[in-house]
Amino acid sequence: MIDRSSKDVAAIVRDGTAIDRAIERARRRVMRRHRQLGIPLAIWHEGRVVEVPPESIAALEQEDPGVRAT
């Protein structure tokens, strides 16, 4: 019997689009949650970890979608 799930996973990994979409959804969810709870967000910016105050998270999302939450 062929294990279809491993073939499907391999195809998903090769394509990468679904993974990219999942990471982007998670990123937006984390930023929204930190903003809602009033918790600073730790990000990697210019080679170092920086804390972003919750009131600045919305501006961060709009100005630099490539910033990574740590």
N, C-alpha and C. Protein backbone atom coordinates (compact mmCIF):
# COMPACT_ATOMS: atom_id res chain seq x y z
N MET A 1 0.84 -1.18 0.00
CA MET A 1 0.00 0.00 0.00
C MET A 1 0.88 1.25 0.00
N ILE A 2 0.52 2.23 -0.82
CA ILE A 2 1.29 3.48 -0.92
C ILE A 2 0.78 4.48 0.11
N ASP A 3 1.72 5.11 0.79
CA ASP A 3 1.39 6.13 1.78
C ASP A 3 1.18 7.46 1.06
N ARG A 4 -0.08 7.78 0.76
CA ARG A 4 -0.39 9.00 0.01
C ARG A 4 -0.03 10.27 0.77
N SER A 5 -0.13 10.25 2.08
CA SER A 5 0.12 11.47 2.85
C SER A 5 1.57 11.92 2.71
N SER A 6 2.51 10.97 2.64
CA SER A 6 3.91 11.37 2.48
C SER A 6 4.15 11.96 1.10
N LYS A 7 3.46 11.47 0.08
CA LYS A 7 3.58 12.05 -1.25
C LYS A 7 3.00 13.46 -1.26
N ASP A 8 1.87 13.63 -0.61
CA ASP A 8 1.24 14.94 -0.55
C ASP A 8 2.14 15.94 0.17
N VAL A 9 2.72 15.53 1.27
CA VAL A 9 3.61 16.42 2.02
C VAL A 9 4.82 16.78 1.18
N ALA A 10 5.38 15.82 0.50
CA ALA A 10 6.54 16.09 -0.34
C ALA A 10 6.20 17.09 -1.44
N ALA A 11 5.03 16.97 -2.04
CA ALA A 11 4.61 17.91 -3.08
C ALA A 11 4.41 19.31 -2.50
N ILE A 12 3.83 19.38 -1.32
CA ILE A 12 3.61 20.68 -0.67
C ILE A 12 4.95 21.35 -0.36
N VAL A 13 5.89 20.58 0.15
CA VAL A 13 7.21 21.13 0.48
C VAL A 13 7.93 21.60 -0.78
N ARG A 14 7.86 20.82 -1.84
CA ARG A 14 8.51 21.21 -3.10
C ARG A 14 7.93 22.50 -3.64
N ASP A 15 6.61 22.62 -3.61
CA ASP A 15 5.96 23.82 -4.14
C ASP A 15 6.21 25.02 -3.22
N GLY A 16 6.00 24.86 -1.94
CA GLY A 16 6.28 25.91 -0.97
C GLY A 16 5.21 26.97 -0.83
N THR A 17 4.32 27.11 -1.79
CA THR A 17 3.31 28.16 -1.74
C THR A 17 2.40 28.02 -0.53
N ALA A 18 1.94 26.82 -0.27
CA ALA A 18 1.05 26.59 0.88
C ALA A 18 1.76 26.89 2.19
N ILE A 19 3.03 26.56 2.26
CA ILE A 19 3.82 26.84 3.47
C ILE A 19 3.95 28.35 3.66
N ASP A 20 4.26 29.05 2.58
CA ASP A 20 4.38 30.51 2.65
C ASP A 20 3.08 31.15 3.12
N ARG A 21 1.96 30.67 2.59
CA ARG A 21 0.65 31.21 2.99
C ARG A 21 0.37 30.93 4.47
N ALA A 22 0.71 29.74 4.93
CA ALA A 22 0.48 29.38 6.33
C ALA A 22 1.33 30.23 7.26
N ILE A 23 2.56 30.49 6.89
CA ILE A 23 3.44 31.33 7.71
C ILE A 23 2.92 32.76 7.75
N GLU A 24 2.47 33.27 6.63
CA GLU A 24 1.93 34.63 6.58
C GLU A 24 0.67 34.75 7.43
N ARG A 25 -0.21 33.75 7.37
CA ARG A 25 -1.42 33.76 8.20
C ARG A 25 -1.05 33.75 9.69
N ALA A 26 -0.09 32.92 10.05
CA ALA A 26 0.35 32.84 11.44
C ALA A 26 0.95 34.17 11.89
N ARG A 27 1.73 34.79 11.03
CA ARG A 27 2.34 36.09 11.34
C ARG A 27 1.27 37.14 11.63
N ARG A 28 0.26 37.20 10.76
CA ARG A 28 -0.81 38.18 10.97
C ARG A 28 -1.58 37.89 12.26
N ARG A 29 -1.82 36.61 12.52
CA ARG A 29 -2.55 36.21 13.73
C ARG A 29 -1.77 36.60 14.99
N VAL A 30 -0.47 36.37 15.00
CA VAL A 30 0.37 36.71 16.15
C VAL A 30 0.38 38.22 16.38
N MET A 31 0.54 38.98 15.30
CA MET A 31 0.58 40.43 15.44
C MET A 31 -0.75 40.97 15.97
N ARG A 32 -1.85 40.44 15.44
CA ARG A 32 -3.18 40.87 15.89
C ARG A 32 -3.38 40.53 17.37
N ARG A 33 -2.97 39.33 17.75
CA ARG A 33 -3.16 38.88 19.15
C ARG A 33 -2.34 39.73 20.12
N HIS A 34 -1.10 40.02 19.77
CA HIS A 34 -0.27 40.87 20.63
C HIS A 34 -0.90 42.25 20.77
N ARG A 35 -1.41 42.78 19.68
CA ARG A 35 -2.05 44.10 19.71
C ARG A 35 -3.30 44.05 20.60
N GLN A 36 -4.12 43.01 20.47
CA GLN A 36 -5.35 42.88 21.27
C GLN A 36 -5.05 42.76 22.77
N LEU A 37 -4.00 42.01 23.10
CA LEU A 37 -3.67 41.77 24.50
C LEU A 37 -2.80 42.87 25.12
N GLY A 38 -2.31 43.77 24.27
CA GLY A 38 -1.45 44.84 24.78
C GLY A 38 -0.06 44.38 25.16
N ILE A 39 0.43 43.35 24.47
CA ILE A 39 1.74 42.77 24.77
C ILE A 39 2.73 43.21 23.70
N PRO A 40 3.91 43.71 24.09
CA PRO A 40 4.92 44.07 23.08
C PRO A 40 5.28 42.85 22.22
N LEU A 41 5.64 43.12 20.99
CA LEU A 41 6.01 42.07 20.05
C LEU A 41 7.52 42.11 19.84
N ALA A 42 8.20 40.99 20.01
CA ALA A 42 9.63 40.92 19.76
C ALA A 42 9.85 40.57 18.29
N ILE A 43 10.64 41.41 17.60
CA ILE A 43 10.92 41.18 16.18
C ILE A 43 12.43 41.24 15.94
N TRP A 44 12.84 40.71 14.81
CA TRP A 44 14.23 40.79 14.37
C TRP A 44 14.29 41.96 13.39
N HIS A 45 15.10 42.98 13.71
CA HIS A 45 15.18 44.17 12.87
C HIS A 45 16.63 44.66 12.83
N GLU A 46 17.16 44.75 11.62
CA GLU A 46 18.53 45.24 11.40
C GLU A 46 19.55 44.50 12.27
N GLY A 47 19.43 43.18 12.31
CA GLY A 47 20.42 42.35 12.99
C GLY A 47 20.29 42.24 14.49
N ARG A 48 19.17 42.69 15.04
CA ARG A 48 18.99 42.56 16.49
C ARG A 48 17.52 42.40 16.83
N VAL A 49 17.25 41.95 18.04
CA VAL A 49 15.88 41.79 18.52
C VAL A 49 15.40 43.13 19.07
N VAL A 50 14.20 43.52 18.65
CA VAL A 50 13.60 44.79 19.08
C VAL A 50 12.19 44.51 19.58
N GLU A 51 11.80 45.17 20.68
CA GLU A 51 10.42 45.07 21.17
C GLU A 51 9.60 46.20 20.57
N VAL A 52 8.47 45.83 19.97
CA VAL A 52 7.56 46.81 19.38
C VAL A 52 6.37 46.96 20.33
N PRO A 53 6.09 48.19 20.79
CA PRO A 53 4.94 48.38 21.67
C PRO A 53 3.64 48.01 20.95
N PRO A 54 2.65 47.51 21.67
CA PRO A 54 1.42 47.05 21.03
C PRO A 54 0.74 48.13 20.19
N GLU A 55 0.83 49.39 20.61
CA GLU A 55 0.18 50.46 19.85
C GLU A 55 0.89 50.76 18.53
N SER A 56 2.09 50.22 18.32
CA SER A 56 2.84 50.44 17.08
C SER A 56 2.77 49.24 16.13
N ILE A 57 2.15 48.17 16.54
CA ILE A 57 2.12 46.95 15.73
C ILE A 57 1.36 47.15 14.42
N ALA A 58 0.24 47.86 14.44
CA ALA A 58 -0.53 48.07 13.22
C ALA A 58 0.30 48.81 12.18
N ALA A 59 1.03 49.83 12.60
CA ALA A 59 1.90 50.58 11.68
C ALA A 59 3.01 49.68 11.15
N LEU A 60 3.53 48.82 11.99
CA LEU A 60 4.59 47.90 11.58
C LEU A 60 4.11 46.96 10.50
N GLU A 61 2.89 46.45 10.65
CA GLU A 61 2.32 45.54 9.64
C GLU A 61 2.23 46.22 8.28
N GLN A 62 1.85 47.46 8.26
CA GLN A 62 1.67 48.18 7.00
C GLN A 62 2.98 48.61 6.38
N GLU A 63 3.94 49.03 7.19
CA GLU A 63 5.18 49.57 6.63
C GLU A 63 6.18 48.52 6.20
N ASP A 64 6.24 47.38 6.91
CA ASP A 64 7.26 46.39 6.59
C ASP A 64 6.74 44.98 6.78
N PRO A 65 6.04 44.43 5.78
CA PRO A 65 5.50 43.08 5.91
C PRO A 65 6.58 42.01 5.99
N GLY A 66 7.82 42.36 5.75
CA GLY A 66 8.91 41.38 5.80
C GLY A 66 9.55 41.25 7.16
N VAL A 67 9.17 42.09 8.12
CA VAL A 67 9.73 42.00 9.47
C VAL A 67 9.27 40.71 10.10
N ARG A 68 10.20 40.00 10.74
CA ARG A 68 9.88 38.69 11.30
C ARG A 68 9.69 38.76 12.79
N ALA A 69 8.59 38.23 13.28
CA ALA A 69 8.38 38.11 14.72
C ALA A 69 9.28 36.99 15.23
N THR A 70 9.86 37.18 16.42
CA THR A 70 10.75 36.16 16.98
C THR A 70 10.04 35.42 18.09
